Amino acid sequence: MSEYRNHSFLSLKTRSLFSFAVVLISTICSCSDGGIEIMEPIEPAEPIDFLADLNLPEMPFDYENIQFPDHYLNSPLPENPYRFQFAAIESDNTPDTNPTTNEGALLGRVLFYEKKLSANGTIACASCHTQETGFSDKEILSIGFDGGLTRRHSMSLTNARFYDTGKFFWDERAETLEDQVLMPFQDPVEMGLTLDTLVQIVSDQSYSAPLFNDAFGDETVTADRISRALAQFVRSLVSINAKYDEGRELVSSPLLDFPNFSPEENMGKSLFYASNISGAPSCHSCHSSEAFLSPLLAPNGTTIGSINGLDAVSTIDFGIFETTGINNHMGKFKVPSLRNIGVRAPYMHDGRFANLEEVINHYSTGMQNHPRTLPFMKDDDGNAIKYNFTDIEKQALIAFLNTLTDSQFLIDEKFSSPF
């Protein structure tokens, strides 16, 4: 149990002061008879505030007790025809070994924004996952510590805890979020550190001792603890206050018109949830639950992923195949949440689409016949399905997608930089 939970009447910053051995002694000399002789007084030392460089609230933010709306906890959609639908909470990838705590997530937040944790002290995790873009990146390819470019566009971290497999990166090479958060530090382009150097830099920061003590019970800094704290913070990045959520609270099913939606937004929602007249599956088939990300595991335990016809042949980036070596995973990529999609341009793993109009046009008429395209994404002749949206339908879909923007989430102080 953390020190904070034992002494909840003390603020984090107050306890930081007590962590310094406050010298109130005015020069004390022990006498041979066991008494104490007060010698010439000196000025008492000023207590050190080890958290002075951080902008922290007097009482910690609540990261561990998220008040999920009912539509994150229950799914009213019938299995037929909504076979891949589930409540978001069913796909929570939080391990029993690393539950989110207020103290752990706070430490993770500090580490997430700490620019000293790169080879030249110029970038942090937050440099490529900015809050105002839903913890994605406005750049097509992210810029590393020395100006180099990453291989892929930075995926949004919004609702990361609801990706059922728990695997991360576009190619799912990280088995867990705890694995993923350490990899950018060690990447020669992104942050350019070794784990030993990372631990040393974190240990050298004045805030580390009190924050690690609160989160883990003592001041020891390890790569594992850094990993666990960062993962706790990332899992706290849950978006539940968009216009969609406000409307969803007013109805019993996402298939009903939302009273707070415009006719155009409700039209777009209907298009999103319904199978296309051409036989194409609904958008919700791949952006499932009301957290709007990929479905649960396939029956054989493998990831569902997606091959959405971006290319006719995979020649440069082979996606999940690079991790698994499974032929059916050639050109398949992880499916991110659509939450805050309206502020997350550019789109796709390589950032090829500059705006939502280009994304909708791709699904409308631009999908190509990749040899590994899933069967339900093909027509009777074996060609990639085209949705053939009208201009009105395209604008309605975009209007609906913009209702998934959670303005409160994008400015919430508990997710912002503490520096």
Protein backbone atom coordinates (compact mmCIF):
# COMPACT_ATOMS: atom_id res chain seq x y z
CA MET A 1 0.00 0.00 0.00
CA SER A 2 1.37 3.39 -0.95
CA GLU A 3 2.40 6.06 1.52
CA TYR A 4 -0.36 8.26 0.13
CA ARG A 5 -3.00 5.72 1.02
CA ASN A 6 -1.61 5.38 4.54
CA HIS A 7 -1.54 9.15 5.10
CA SER A 8 -4.20 10.53 2.80
CA PHE A 9 -4.38 13.77 4.75
CA LEU A 10 -1.00 14.80 3.35
CA SER A 11 -0.71 16.13 -0.17
CA LEU A 12 1.95 14.75 -2.50
CA LYS A 13 3.91 17.98 -2.40
CA THR A 14 3.71 18.17 1.40
CA ARG A 15 5.12 14.67 1.66
CA SER A 16 7.89 15.68 -0.71
CA LEU A 17 9.02 18.20 1.86
CA PHE A 18 9.04 15.57 4.59
CA SER A 19 11.17 13.24 2.42
CA PHE A 20 14.06 15.63 3.08
CA ALA A 21 15.69 15.16 6.48
CA VAL A 22 14.66 18.58 7.72
CA VAL A 23 17.50 19.97 9.77
CA LEU A 24 15.98 21.72 12.75
CA ILE A 25 19.01 20.96 14.91
CA SER A 26 20.81 24.05 16.07
CA THR A 27 24.12 22.23 16.65
CA ILE A 28 23.54 19.51 19.20
CA CYS A 29 26.29 17.94 21.26
CA SER A 30 25.80 14.81 23.33
CA CYS A 31 27.32 15.08 26.79
CA SER A 32 28.97 12.24 28.70
CA ASP A 33 26.20 12.26 31.31
CA GLY A 34 23.62 11.55 28.63
CA GLY A 35 22.34 15.11 28.53
CA ILE A 36 22.26 17.37 25.51
CA GLU A 37 24.08 20.64 25.31
CA ILE A 38 22.79 23.24 22.88
CA MET A 39 25.74 24.86 21.21
CA GLU A 40 25.83 28.03 19.13
CA PRO A 41 22.63 28.06 17.03
CA ILE A 42 22.69 27.96 13.25
CA GLU A 43 19.94 28.76 10.79
CA PRO A 44 17.76 25.70 10.06
CA ALA A 45 18.09 24.31 6.55
CA GLU A 46 15.25 25.00 4.15
CA PRO A 47 13.31 21.82 3.37
CA ILE A 48 13.75 20.67 -0.21
CA ASP A 49 10.69 20.29 -2.42
CA PHE A 50 11.70 17.43 -4.70
CA LEU A 51 8.57 17.96 -6.81
CA ALA A 52 9.08 21.69 -7.31
CA ASP A 53 9.59 21.25 -11.06
CA LEU A 54 6.21 19.56 -11.48
CA ASN A 55 2.81 21.17 -11.70
CA LEU A 56 0.83 18.74 -9.56
CA PRO A 57 -2.49 19.20 -7.77
CA GLU A 58 -2.71 19.16 -4.00
CA MET A 59 -4.76 15.96 -4.21
CA PRO A 60 -3.96 13.38 -6.87
CA PHE A 61 -6.15 12.92 -9.91
CA ASP A 62 -8.31 9.82 -9.98
CA TYR A 63 -7.02 7.46 -12.65
CA GLU A 64 -8.14 4.17 -11.17
CA ASN A 65 -11.87 4.73 -10.69
CA ILE A 66 -13.11 5.60 -14.17
CA GLN A 67 -16.88 5.98 -14.21
CA PHE A 68 -17.63 4.10 -17.41
CA PRO A 69 -20.97 4.83 -19.08
CA ASP A 70 -23.32 1.88 -19.37
CA HIS A 71 -22.61 1.49 -23.10
CA TYR A 72 -18.99 0.63 -22.25
CA LEU A 73 -20.20 -2.03 -19.82
CA ASN A 74 -23.02 -3.64 -21.82
CA SER A 75 -23.79 -4.24 -25.49
CA PRO A 76 -27.46 -4.37 -26.55
CA LEU A 77 -26.71 -5.49 -30.12
CA PRO A 78 -27.89 -8.98 -31.11
CA GLU A 79 -25.28 -11.53 -32.17
CA ASN A 80 -27.01 -11.84 -35.52
CA PRO A 81 -26.10 -9.86 -37.57
CA TYR A 82 -23.66 -8.15 -35.18
CA ARG A 83 -21.43 -11.17 -34.62
CA PHE A 84 -18.32 -9.18 -33.67
CA GLN A 85 -20.02 -6.88 -31.19
CA PHE A 86 -19.25 -6.82 -27.49
CA ALA A 87 -19.09 -4.42 -24.57
CA ALA A 88 -15.82 -2.50 -24.47
CA ILE A 89 -15.06 -3.65 -20.93
CA GLU A 90 -14.95 -7.26 -22.15
CA SER A 91 -11.77 -6.47 -24.09
CA ASP A 92 -9.94 -4.68 -21.25
CA ASN A 93 -6.30 -5.79 -21.52
CA THR A 94 -5.26 -4.65 -18.02
CA PRO A 95 -3.27 -7.52 -16.47
CA ASP A 96 -3.81 -8.63 -12.88
CA THR A 97 -0.12 -7.96 -12.30
CA ASN A 98 -0.39 -4.26 -13.17
CA PRO A 99 -3.70 -2.69 -12.14
CA THR A 100 -3.93 1.05 -12.62
CA THR A 101 -3.47 3.09 -9.45
CA ASN A 102 -3.59 6.83 -8.97
CA GLU A 103 0.04 6.90 -7.87
CA GLY A 104 1.28 4.61 -10.65
CA ALA A 105 -0.52 6.50 -13.40
CA LEU A 106 0.74 9.84 -12.04
CA LEU A 107 4.31 8.55 -12.22
CA GLY A 108 3.58 7.29 -15.74
CA ARG A 109 2.23 10.70 -16.71
CA VAL A 110 5.44 12.39 -15.56
CA LEU A 111 7.62 9.89 -17.45
CA PHE A 112 5.40 10.19 -20.54
CA TYR A 113 6.14 13.93 -20.78
CA GLU A 114 9.80 13.87 -19.65
CA LYS A 115 12.01 15.00 -22.56
CA LYS A 116 15.18 14.07 -20.70
CA LEU A 117 14.36 10.45 -21.52
CA SER A 118 15.91 10.63 -24.99
CA ALA A 119 19.50 10.58 -26.18
CA ASN A 120 19.78 14.37 -26.46
CA GLY A 121 16.95 15.43 -24.17
CA THR A 122 14.73 16.79 -26.96
CA ILE A 123 11.70 14.50 -27.17
CA ALA A 124 9.36 12.56 -24.91
CA CYS A 125 6.69 9.94 -25.51
CA ALA A 126 4.29 12.88 -25.72
CA SER A 127 6.24 14.39 -28.63
CA CYS A 128 4.78 11.74 -30.95
CA HIS A 129 1.52 11.22 -29.03
CA THR A 130 0.09 14.68 -28.39
CA GLN A 131 -3.02 15.21 -26.31
CA GLU A 132 -4.62 17.65 -28.74
CA THR A 133 -4.47 15.01 -31.50
CA GLY A 134 -5.97 12.26 -29.34
CA PHE A 135 -2.46 11.08 -28.42
CA SER A 136 -1.53 10.60 -32.04
CA ASP A 137 0.78 12.72 -34.24
CA LYS A 138 0.01 15.41 -36.79
CA GLU A 139 3.14 14.39 -38.73
CA ILE A 140 2.88 11.69 -41.41
CA LEU A 141 5.91 9.96 -39.91
CA SER A 142 7.07 10.91 -36.44
CA ILE A 143 10.35 12.74 -35.91
CA GLY A 144 12.97 11.09 -33.71
CA PHE A 145 15.45 12.68 -31.31
CA ASP A 146 18.03 13.39 -34.02
CA GLY A 147 15.59 14.41 -36.76
CA GLY A 148 15.18 10.95 -38.27
CA LEU A 149 11.77 9.70 -39.31
CA THR A 150 10.01 6.68 -37.90
CA ARG A 151 8.85 3.95 -40.25
CA ARG A 152 5.14 4.40 -39.60
CA HIS A 153 2.65 7.01 -38.47
CA SER A 154 2.13 7.15 -34.68
CA MET A 155 -1.03 5.31 -33.72
CA SER A 156 -3.43 7.00 -31.33
CA LEU A 157 -3.30 5.79 -27.74
CA THR A 158 -6.96 6.64 -27.09
CA ASN A 159 -8.77 3.63 -25.59
CA ALA A 160 -5.64 1.48 -25.84
CA ARG A 161 -6.80 -0.58 -22.86
CA PHE A 162 -9.69 -2.00 -24.90
CA TYR A 163 -7.60 -3.72 -27.57
CA ASP A 164 -8.39 -7.30 -26.67
CA THR A 165 -5.17 -9.06 -27.65
CA GLY A 166 -3.11 -6.59 -25.63
CA LYS A 167 -0.66 -6.43 -28.53
CA PHE A 168 0.69 -3.09 -29.72
CA PHE A 169 2.21 -1.29 -32.70
CA TRP A 170 0.70 -1.52 -36.18
CA ASP A 171 2.43 -4.89 -36.65
CA GLU A 172 1.55 -6.08 -33.12
CA ARG A 173 5.19 -6.89 -32.34
CA ALA A 174 4.75 -5.91 -28.68
CA GLU A 175 3.01 -8.71 -26.79
CA THR A 176 1.71 -6.35 -24.12
CA LEU A 177 1.43 -2.65 -23.43
CA GLU A 178 4.05 -3.13 -20.73
CA ASP A 179 6.45 -4.34 -23.47
CA GLN A 180 5.45 -1.62 -25.91
CA VAL A 181 6.14 1.40 -23.71
CA LEU A 182 9.83 0.51 -23.35
CA MET A 183 10.52 -0.08 -27.05
CA PRO A 184 10.55 3.57 -28.25
CA PHE A 185 13.21 4.41 -25.66
CA GLN A 186 15.48 1.77 -27.20
CA ASP A 187 14.75 2.59 -30.83
CA PRO A 188 17.81 4.18 -32.54
CA VAL A 189 15.59 6.64 -34.42
CA GLU A 190 12.97 7.48 -31.81
CA MET A 191 14.73 8.06 -28.48
CA GLY A 192 18.11 6.36 -28.76
CA LEU A 193 18.65 5.00 -25.24
CA THR A 194 19.47 1.68 -23.62
CA LEU A 195 17.36 0.48 -20.72
CA ASP A 196 20.32 0.91 -18.36
CA THR A 197 20.70 4.53 -19.46
CA LEU A 198 16.96 5.08 -19.15
CA VAL A 199 16.96 3.81 -15.58
CA GLN A 200 19.93 6.02 -14.71
CA ILE A 201 18.34 9.16 -16.17
CA VAL A 202 15.08 8.51 -14.35
CA SER A 203 16.96 7.84 -11.11
CA ASP A 204 18.77 11.16 -11.43
CA GLN A 205 15.55 13.20 -11.45
CA SER A 206 14.65 14.83 -8.15
CA TYR A 207 11.02 13.75 -8.40
CA SER A 208 11.81 10.04 -8.81
CA ALA A 209 12.27 9.09 -5.16
CA PRO A 210 8.90 10.35 -3.86
CA LEU A 211 6.95 9.28 -6.96
CA PHE A 212 8.41 5.76 -7.11
CA ASN A 213 7.91 5.38 -3.38
CA ASP A 214 4.26 6.32 -3.73
CA ALA A 215 3.70 4.06 -6.72
CA PHE A 216 5.67 0.98 -5.64
CA GLY A 217 6.42 1.26 -1.93
CA ASP A 218 10.09 2.22 -2.13
CA GLU A 219 12.36 4.51 -4.15
CA THR A 220 13.98 1.87 -6.36
CA VAL A 221 13.92 2.69 -10.08
CA THR A 222 13.86 -0.25 -12.49
CA ALA A 223 12.93 -0.70 -16.14
CA ASP A 224 10.04 -2.91 -15.05
CA ARG A 225 8.62 -0.19 -12.81
CA ILE A 226 9.04 2.43 -15.54
CA SER A 227 7.16 0.08 -17.88
CA ARG A 228 4.36 -0.57 -15.42
CA ALA A 229 3.86 3.12 -14.60
CA LEU A 230 3.75 4.18 -18.25
CA ALA A 231 1.33 1.38 -19.09
CA GLN A 232 -0.95 2.48 -16.25
CA PHE A 233 -1.02 6.02 -17.58
CA VAL A 234 -1.73 4.91 -21.15
CA ARG A 235 -4.58 2.66 -19.99
CA SER A 236 -6.10 5.64 -18.21
CA LEU A 237 -6.51 7.44 -21.56
CA VAL A 238 -10.16 6.49 -21.94
CA SER A 239 -12.48 8.71 -23.99
CA ILE A 240 -16.10 8.69 -22.74
CA ASN A 241 -17.37 12.28 -23.04
CA ALA A 242 -17.91 12.88 -26.75
CA LYS A 243 -21.14 14.09 -28.33
CA TYR A 244 -21.74 10.42 -29.18
CA ASP A 245 -21.68 9.48 -25.49
CA GLU A 246 -24.08 12.27 -24.59
CA GLY A 247 -26.54 11.02 -27.18
CA ARG A 248 -26.04 7.37 -26.34
CA GLU A 249 -27.09 8.00 -22.74
CA LEU A 250 -30.50 9.10 -24.07
CA VAL A 251 -31.37 5.90 -25.97
CA SER A 252 -31.35 2.16 -25.31
CA SER A 253 -29.46 1.16 -28.47
CA PRO A 254 -26.86 2.74 -30.75
CA LEU A 255 -29.13 1.82 -33.67
CA LEU A 256 -31.75 4.37 -32.63
CA ASP A 257 -31.60 8.02 -33.62
CA PHE A 258 -29.81 10.14 -31.01
CA PRO A 259 -31.91 13.13 -29.88
CA ASN A 260 -28.84 15.39 -29.71
CA PHE A 261 -27.67 14.50 -33.25
CA SER A 262 -28.48 16.43 -36.40
CA PRO A 263 -30.28 14.51 -39.18
CA GLU A 264 -26.95 14.32 -41.02
CA GLU A 265 -25.15 12.88 -37.97
CA ASN A 266 -27.89 10.28 -37.42
CA MET A 267 -27.72 9.35 -41.10
CA GLY A 268 -23.99 8.85 -40.82
CA LYS A 269 -24.44 6.72 -37.70
CA SER A 270 -26.97 4.53 -39.52
CA LEU A 271 -24.54 4.08 -42.41
CA PHE A 272 -21.77 3.21 -39.99
CA TYR A 273 -23.76 0.48 -38.23
CA ALA A 274 -25.57 -0.98 -41.26
CA SER A 275 -24.35 -3.41 -43.88
CA ASN A 276 -23.92 -1.71 -47.23
CA ILE A 277 -26.43 -2.29 -50.02
CA SER A 278 -23.58 -3.70 -52.13
CA GLY A 279 -23.10 -6.47 -49.57
CA ALA A 280 -20.13 -4.88 -47.82
CA PRO A 281 -19.98 -5.36 -44.05
CA SER A 282 -20.70 -2.45 -41.76
CA CYS A 283 -17.92 -0.11 -40.67
CA HIS A 284 -18.69 -1.33 -37.15
CA SER A 285 -17.54 -4.83 -38.10
CA CYS A 286 -13.92 -3.71 -37.81
CA HIS A 287 -14.38 -0.80 -35.39
CA SER A 288 -16.38 -2.72 -32.85
CA SER A 289 -17.93 -2.05 -29.45
CA GLU A 290 -18.67 1.53 -28.47
CA ALA A 291 -14.99 2.09 -27.85
CA PHE A 292 -14.79 1.71 -31.67
CA LEU A 293 -11.76 -0.49 -32.15
CA SER A 294 -10.98 -3.95 -33.43
CA PRO A 295 -13.08 -6.96 -32.43
CA LEU A 296 -12.31 -9.74 -30.03
CA LEU A 297 -9.94 -12.56 -30.93
CA ALA A 298 -10.82 -14.91 -33.75
CA PRO A 299 -12.01 -18.37 -32.63
CA ASN A 300 -8.51 -19.84 -33.20
CA GLY A 301 -6.98 -17.26 -30.87
CA THR A 302 -5.27 -15.17 -33.55
CA THR A 303 -5.81 -11.48 -34.02
CA ILE A 304 -8.50 -10.29 -36.41
CA GLY A 305 -6.58 -7.28 -37.71
CA SER A 306 -7.51 -5.75 -41.02
CA ILE A 307 -6.55 -5.78 -44.66
CA ASN A 308 -8.53 -2.88 -46.05
CA GLY A 309 -7.38 -2.77 -49.65
CA LEU A 310 -4.80 -0.01 -49.33
CA ASP A 311 -2.57 -1.79 -51.84
CA ALA A 312 -2.99 -4.53 -54.40
CA VAL A 313 0.26 -6.15 -53.25
CA SER A 314 2.36 -5.71 -50.11
CA THR A 315 5.86 -4.76 -51.24
CA ILE A 316 7.30 -2.39 -48.61
CA ASP A 317 5.43 -2.90 -45.36
CA PHE A 318 4.13 -6.40 -44.64
CA GLY A 319 2.35 -5.47 -41.42
CA ILE A 320 1.54 -8.17 -38.87
CA PHE A 321 3.23 -10.77 -41.11
CA GLU A 322 6.56 -9.26 -40.07
CA THR A 323 5.78 -10.29 -36.50
CA THR A 324 4.03 -13.64 -36.99
CA GLY A 325 5.31 -14.98 -40.31
CA ILE A 326 1.77 -16.17 -41.05
CA ASN A 327 0.93 -15.74 -44.73
CA ASN A 328 -2.64 -14.65 -44.04
CA HIS A 329 -1.24 -11.75 -42.02
CA MET A 330 0.57 -10.30 -45.03
CA GLY A 331 -0.55 -6.66 -45.34
CA LYS A 332 -2.69 -6.86 -42.22
CA PHE A 333 -2.48 -4.09 -39.62
CA LYS A 334 -3.85 -3.44 -36.16
CA VAL A 335 -7.20 -1.61 -36.07
CA PRO A 336 -7.09 1.49 -33.83
CA SER A 337 -10.02 3.10 -32.07
CA LEU A 338 -12.01 5.71 -33.98
CA ARG A 339 -12.41 7.82 -30.85
CA ASN A 340 -11.20 11.39 -31.57
CA ILE A 341 -10.63 10.40 -35.20
CA GLY A 342 -11.64 13.89 -36.36
CA VAL A 343 -8.51 15.46 -34.83
CA ARG A 344 -6.08 12.69 -35.75
CA ALA A 345 -5.12 13.37 -39.36
CA PRO A 346 -3.22 12.02 -41.23
CA TYR A 347 -4.61 8.49 -41.39
CA MET A 348 -3.54 4.85 -41.87
CA HIS A 349 -0.29 3.19 -40.81
CA ASP A 350 1.69 5.27 -43.30
CA GLY A 351 -0.31 8.49 -42.98
CA ARG A 352 -1.22 8.40 -46.67
CA PHE A 353 -4.64 10.05 -46.26
CA ALA A 354 -4.60 13.72 -45.29
CA ASN A 355 -8.23 14.00 -44.16
CA LEU A 356 -11.42 12.03 -43.54
CA GLU A 357 -12.70 12.79 -47.03
CA GLU A 358 -9.80 10.80 -48.49
CA VAL A 359 -10.44 7.94 -46.06
CA ILE A 360 -14.13 7.72 -47.00
CA ASN A 361 -13.30 7.93 -50.71
CA HIS A 362 -10.92 4.99 -50.30
CA TYR A 363 -13.62 2.79 -48.81
CA SER A 364 -16.18 4.06 -51.31
CA THR A 365 -14.33 3.27 -54.53
CA GLY A 366 -10.60 2.90 -53.88
CA MET A 367 -10.16 -0.51 -52.24
CA GLN A 368 -7.75 -2.78 -54.12
CA ASN A 369 -7.70 -6.55 -54.54
CA HIS A 370 -5.02 -7.55 -52.11
CA PRO A 371 -4.55 -11.35 -52.22
CA ARG A 372 -5.02 -11.62 -48.45
CA THR A 373 -8.21 -9.56 -48.25
CA LEU A 374 -10.68 -11.17 -45.86
CA PRO A 375 -13.47 -13.08 -47.65
CA PHE A 376 -16.28 -10.88 -46.34
CA MET A 377 -14.54 -7.88 -47.91
CA LYS A 378 -14.89 -9.41 -51.41
CA ASP A 379 -17.85 -9.65 -53.76
CA ASP A 380 -19.06 -12.81 -55.49
CA ASP A 381 -16.42 -12.38 -58.19
CA GLY A 382 -13.61 -12.20 -55.68
CA ASN A 383 -13.04 -8.48 -56.07
CA ALA A 384 -12.65 -6.01 -53.24
CA ILE A 385 -16.04 -4.62 -52.28
CA LYS A 386 -16.68 -0.97 -53.01
CA TYR A 387 -19.18 0.86 -50.83
CA ASN A 388 -20.02 3.41 -53.54
CA PHE A 389 -21.21 6.08 -51.11
CA THR A 390 -23.03 9.05 -52.55
CA ASP A 391 -21.68 12.52 -51.82
CA ILE A 392 -24.45 13.02 -49.27
CA GLU A 393 -23.57 9.74 -47.57
CA LYS A 394 -19.89 10.64 -47.48
CA GLN A 395 -20.59 13.91 -45.72
CA ALA A 396 -22.98 12.18 -43.31
CA LEU A 397 -20.32 9.62 -42.37
CA ILE A 398 -17.80 12.37 -41.73
CA ALA A 399 -20.35 14.25 -39.62
CA PHE A 400 -20.91 11.11 -37.54
CA LEU A 401 -17.19 10.44 -37.10
CA ASN A 402 -16.77 13.96 -35.77
CA THR A 403 -19.28 13.18 -33.00
CA LEU A 404 -16.60 10.85 -31.59
CA THR A 405 -14.39 13.82 -30.71
CA ASP A 406 -14.11 14.19 -26.94
CA SER A 407 -13.17 17.85 -26.42
CA GLN A 408 -12.87 17.40 -22.66
CA PHE A 409 -10.42 14.53 -23.12
CA LEU A 410 -8.22 16.66 -25.39
CA ILE A 411 -7.65 19.29 -22.70
CA ASP A 412 -8.08 17.32 -19.45
CA GLU A 413 -5.32 18.40 -17.07
CA LYS A 414 -4.84 14.91 -15.67
CA PHE A 415 -3.62 13.80 -19.09
CA SER A 416 -1.54 16.92 -19.82
CA SER A 417 2.10 17.76 -19.24
CA PRO A 418 3.02 18.20 -15.56
CA PHE A 419 6.12 20.23 -16.47
